[in-house]
N, C-alpha and C. Protein backbone atom coordinates (compact mmCIF):
# COMPACT_ATOMS: atom_id res chain seq x y z
N MET A 1 42.49 6.30 40.89
CA MET A 1 42.82 7.70 41.03
C MET A 1 44.16 8.03 40.40
N ALA A 2 45.11 7.12 40.49
CA ALA A 2 46.43 7.40 39.93
C ALA A 2 46.34 7.59 38.42
N TYR A 3 45.51 6.80 37.75
CA TYR A 3 45.36 6.93 36.31
C TYR A 3 44.77 8.29 35.96
N LEU A 4 43.79 8.73 36.73
CA LEU A 4 43.22 10.06 36.49
C LEU A 4 44.26 11.15 36.70
N GLY A 5 45.14 10.94 37.67
CA GLY A 5 46.24 11.88 37.89
C GLY A 5 47.15 11.96 36.68
N VAL A 6 47.42 10.82 36.05
CA VAL A 6 48.23 10.79 34.84
C VAL A 6 47.54 11.59 33.73
N LEU A 7 46.24 11.37 33.56
CA LEU A 7 45.49 12.10 32.52
C LEU A 7 45.49 13.60 32.79
N LYS A 8 45.28 13.98 34.03
CA LYS A 8 45.28 15.41 34.39
C LYS A 8 46.65 16.04 34.14
N ALA A 9 47.71 15.30 34.43
CA ALA A 9 49.06 15.82 34.19
C ALA A 9 49.29 16.04 32.69
N ILE A 10 48.81 15.11 31.87
CA ILE A 10 48.93 15.28 30.42
C ILE A 10 48.14 16.50 29.98
N GLU A 11 46.93 16.66 30.49
CA GLU A 11 46.11 17.81 30.13
C GLU A 11 46.79 19.12 30.50
N GLU A 12 47.35 19.20 31.69
CA GLU A 12 48.06 20.42 32.12
C GLU A 12 49.24 20.71 31.20
N HIS A 13 49.96 19.67 30.83
CA HIS A 13 51.10 19.84 29.92
C HIS A 13 50.62 20.37 28.57
N LEU A 14 49.53 19.83 28.07
CA LEU A 14 48.99 20.27 26.78
C LEU A 14 48.49 21.71 26.84
N LEU A 15 47.89 22.08 27.95
CA LEU A 15 47.45 23.47 28.12
C LEU A 15 48.65 24.41 28.09
N LYS A 16 49.75 24.01 28.71
CA LYS A 16 50.97 24.82 28.68
C LYS A 16 51.55 24.91 27.28
N LYS A 17 51.30 23.90 26.46
CA LYS A 17 51.77 23.90 25.07
C LYS A 17 50.89 24.76 24.17
N GLY A 18 49.77 25.27 24.72
CA GLY A 18 48.92 26.17 23.95
C GLY A 18 47.57 25.62 23.52
N LEU A 19 47.26 24.39 23.87
CA LEU A 19 45.94 23.87 23.53
C LEU A 19 44.89 24.52 24.42
N THR A 20 43.68 24.61 23.92
CA THR A 20 42.57 25.13 24.72
C THR A 20 41.90 23.95 25.43
N LYS A 21 41.06 24.26 26.40
CA LYS A 21 40.34 23.19 27.11
C LYS A 21 39.48 22.38 26.17
N LYS A 22 38.91 23.02 25.15
CA LYS A 22 38.08 22.31 24.18
C LYS A 22 38.90 21.33 23.33
N GLU A 23 40.18 21.61 23.17
CA GLU A 23 41.04 20.76 22.34
C GLU A 23 41.64 19.58 23.10
N LEU A 24 41.44 19.53 24.41
CA LEU A 24 42.04 18.45 25.21
C LEU A 24 41.45 17.09 24.82
N PRO A 25 42.26 16.05 24.92
CA PRO A 25 41.79 14.70 24.57
C PRO A 25 40.65 14.23 25.49
N LYS A 26 39.83 13.35 24.93
CA LYS A 26 38.73 12.78 25.71
C LYS A 26 38.79 11.24 25.73
N LYS A 27 39.50 10.66 24.79
CA LYS A 27 39.61 9.20 24.69
C LYS A 27 41.08 8.81 24.77
N VAL A 28 41.34 7.58 25.15
CA VAL A 28 42.72 7.13 25.35
C VAL A 28 43.53 7.28 24.06
N GLU A 29 42.93 7.00 22.92
CA GLU A 29 43.66 7.14 21.66
C GLU A 29 44.02 8.61 21.40
N GLU A 30 43.16 9.52 21.80
CA GLU A 30 43.46 10.95 21.65
C GLU A 30 44.60 11.36 22.57
N TYR A 31 44.67 10.78 23.77
CA TYR A 31 45.80 11.04 24.67
C TYR A 31 47.10 10.54 24.04
N ARG A 32 47.06 9.35 23.45
CA ARG A 32 48.25 8.80 22.79
C ARG A 32 48.70 9.72 21.65
N ASN A 33 47.73 10.15 20.83
CA ASN A 33 48.06 11.04 19.71
C ASN A 33 48.67 12.35 20.20
N ALA A 34 48.10 12.90 21.26
CA ALA A 34 48.62 14.16 21.81
C ALA A 34 50.03 13.96 22.36
N LEU A 35 50.27 12.84 23.03
CA LEU A 35 51.61 12.56 23.54
C LEU A 35 52.61 12.43 22.39
N GLN A 36 52.20 11.77 21.32
CA GLN A 36 53.09 11.64 20.16
C GLN A 36 53.40 13.01 19.57
N LYS A 37 52.40 13.83 19.45
CA LYS A 37 52.56 15.12 18.78
C LYS A 37 53.30 16.15 19.63
N TYR A 38 52.99 16.23 20.91
CA TYR A 38 53.49 17.32 21.74
C TYR A 38 54.58 16.93 22.74
N VAL A 39 54.70 15.65 23.05
CA VAL A 39 55.63 15.24 24.10
C VAL A 39 56.71 14.30 23.60
N SER A 40 56.34 13.29 22.83
CA SER A 40 57.30 12.27 22.41
C SER A 40 58.42 12.83 21.55
N VAL A 41 58.20 13.98 20.95
CA VAL A 41 59.25 14.62 20.17
C VAL A 41 60.47 14.87 21.05
N HIS A 42 60.22 15.21 22.31
CA HIS A 42 61.29 15.53 23.25
C HIS A 42 61.64 14.35 24.16
N ASN A 43 60.69 13.44 24.36
CA ASN A 43 60.92 12.32 25.27
C ASN A 43 60.12 11.11 24.78
N GLY A 44 60.73 10.32 23.91
CA GLY A 44 60.04 9.21 23.27
C GLY A 44 59.57 8.12 24.21
N LYS A 45 60.19 7.99 25.37
CA LYS A 45 59.80 6.90 26.27
C LYS A 45 58.48 7.19 27.00
N LEU A 46 58.02 8.44 27.01
CA LEU A 46 56.78 8.76 27.73
C LEU A 46 55.56 8.08 27.12
N LEU A 47 55.53 7.92 25.82
CA LEU A 47 54.39 7.25 25.19
C LEU A 47 54.33 5.79 25.64
N LYS A 48 55.47 5.12 25.67
CA LYS A 48 55.53 3.73 26.15
C LYS A 48 55.11 3.65 27.62
N GLU A 49 55.58 4.60 28.42
CA GLU A 49 55.21 4.62 29.84
C GLU A 49 53.71 4.84 30.00
N PHE A 50 53.13 5.72 29.18
CA PHE A 50 51.68 5.95 29.24
C PHE A 50 50.93 4.66 28.91
N ASP A 51 51.35 3.97 27.86
CA ASP A 51 50.70 2.71 27.49
C ASP A 51 50.78 1.69 28.62
N ASP A 52 51.95 1.61 29.26
CA ASP A 52 52.11 0.69 30.39
C ASP A 52 51.18 1.06 31.55
N LEU A 53 51.11 2.35 31.86
CA LEU A 53 50.24 2.81 32.96
C LEU A 53 48.77 2.56 32.64
N TYR A 54 48.40 2.76 31.39
CA TYR A 54 47.03 2.49 30.97
C TYR A 54 46.70 1.02 31.20
N ASP A 55 47.60 0.14 30.77
CA ASP A 55 47.37 -1.30 30.94
C ASP A 55 47.34 -1.70 32.41
N GLU A 56 48.29 -1.18 33.19
CA GLU A 56 48.41 -1.60 34.59
C GLU A 56 47.32 -1.00 35.48
N LEU A 57 47.15 0.30 35.40
CA LEU A 57 46.22 0.97 36.31
C LEU A 57 44.78 0.91 35.85
N HIS A 58 44.55 1.19 34.59
CA HIS A 58 43.17 1.31 34.11
C HIS A 58 42.58 -0.06 33.75
N ILE A 59 43.28 -0.81 32.94
CA ILE A 59 42.74 -2.10 32.50
C ILE A 59 42.85 -3.16 33.60
N ALA A 60 44.08 -3.43 34.05
CA ALA A 60 44.27 -4.49 35.06
C ALA A 60 43.70 -4.09 36.41
N GLY A 61 43.90 -2.83 36.80
CA GLY A 61 43.48 -2.40 38.13
C GLY A 61 42.00 -2.08 38.24
N TYR A 62 41.47 -1.38 37.25
CA TYR A 62 40.08 -0.92 37.35
C TYR A 62 39.11 -1.90 36.68
N TYR A 63 39.31 -2.16 35.40
CA TYR A 63 38.35 -2.98 34.67
C TYR A 63 38.37 -4.45 35.07
N ARG A 64 39.56 -4.99 35.25
CA ARG A 64 39.65 -6.43 35.49
C ARG A 64 39.90 -6.79 36.94
N GLY A 65 40.25 -5.82 37.77
CA GLY A 65 40.51 -6.10 39.18
C GLY A 65 41.63 -7.10 39.41
N LEU A 66 42.69 -6.98 38.63
CA LEU A 66 43.78 -7.95 38.69
C LEU A 66 44.93 -7.55 39.60
N LEU A 67 44.88 -6.39 40.19
CA LEU A 67 45.97 -5.96 41.07
C LEU A 67 45.62 -6.36 42.50
N HIS A 68 46.21 -7.46 42.96
CA HIS A 68 45.89 -8.00 44.28
C HIS A 68 46.99 -7.78 45.31
N ARG A 69 48.22 -7.72 44.85
CA ARG A 69 49.34 -7.62 45.79
C ARG A 69 49.72 -6.16 46.02
N VAL A 70 49.98 -5.85 47.27
CA VAL A 70 50.31 -4.48 47.67
C VAL A 70 51.56 -3.99 46.96
N ASP A 71 52.57 -4.83 46.83
CA ASP A 71 53.81 -4.39 46.18
C ASP A 71 53.59 -4.05 44.71
N ILE A 72 52.69 -4.75 44.05
CA ILE A 72 52.37 -4.45 42.65
C ILE A 72 51.65 -3.11 42.56
N VAL A 73 50.70 -2.88 43.44
CA VAL A 73 49.97 -1.61 43.46
C VAL A 73 50.93 -0.46 43.76
N LYS A 74 51.79 -0.63 44.74
CA LYS A 74 52.77 0.41 45.07
C LYS A 74 53.67 0.72 43.89
N GLY A 75 54.09 -0.31 43.18
CA GLY A 75 54.94 -0.11 42.00
C GLY A 75 54.23 0.67 40.91
N ALA A 76 52.96 0.35 40.69
CA ALA A 76 52.18 1.06 39.67
C ALA A 76 51.98 2.52 40.08
N LEU A 77 51.72 2.76 41.37
CA LEU A 77 51.55 4.14 41.84
C LEU A 77 52.85 4.93 41.72
N LYS A 78 53.96 4.28 42.02
CA LYS A 78 55.27 4.93 41.88
C LYS A 78 55.53 5.28 40.41
N SER A 79 55.20 4.38 39.51
CA SER A 79 55.37 4.64 38.08
C SER A 79 54.51 5.81 37.63
N ALA A 80 53.28 5.90 38.13
CA ALA A 80 52.41 7.02 37.79
C ALA A 80 53.00 8.33 38.29
N GLU A 81 53.51 8.32 39.51
CA GLU A 81 54.12 9.52 40.08
C GLU A 81 55.34 9.95 39.26
N GLU A 82 56.16 9.01 38.86
CA GLU A 82 57.35 9.33 38.06
C GLU A 82 56.95 9.89 36.69
N PHE A 83 55.91 9.33 36.09
CA PHE A 83 55.41 9.83 34.81
C PHE A 83 54.97 11.29 34.94
N ILE A 84 54.22 11.57 35.99
CA ILE A 84 53.73 12.93 36.23
C ILE A 84 54.89 13.89 36.41
N GLU A 85 55.90 13.47 37.15
CA GLU A 85 57.08 14.32 37.38
C GLU A 85 57.82 14.60 36.07
N GLU A 86 57.88 13.61 35.19
CA GLU A 86 58.57 13.79 33.92
C GLU A 86 57.87 14.82 33.03
N LEU A 87 56.57 14.96 33.20
CA LEU A 87 55.83 15.94 32.40
C LEU A 87 56.01 17.37 32.88
N LYS A 88 56.46 17.53 34.09
CA LYS A 88 56.61 18.89 34.66
C LYS A 88 57.76 19.62 34.05
C-alpha cells in the first residue's frame, strides 16, 4: 500500500503541474521519466528516493517477500511518507 501511496502522490503532483489524467504514467519507467521532467529539476534527490522506494517496497516487499523484520518495514514506510511530504 505504501508504494501505491507514492505513485498516487506523484500523480497528484503531475496533475497540479498541468498534466491530464490521460497523460499520467502507467509504468515505472514512465514515473521515472515524469519525475525527471517535472520534479527533479527542482529536487534532484527525489528520483533517487523513488528508485530506492521502488526497490524496497515493490520489489523486495511485494514481489520477493524479503521484508521480514518490523524495523525494516517501518523504515521503508517512513521513507515513503517522507517522499510523499516532499512532493507536497
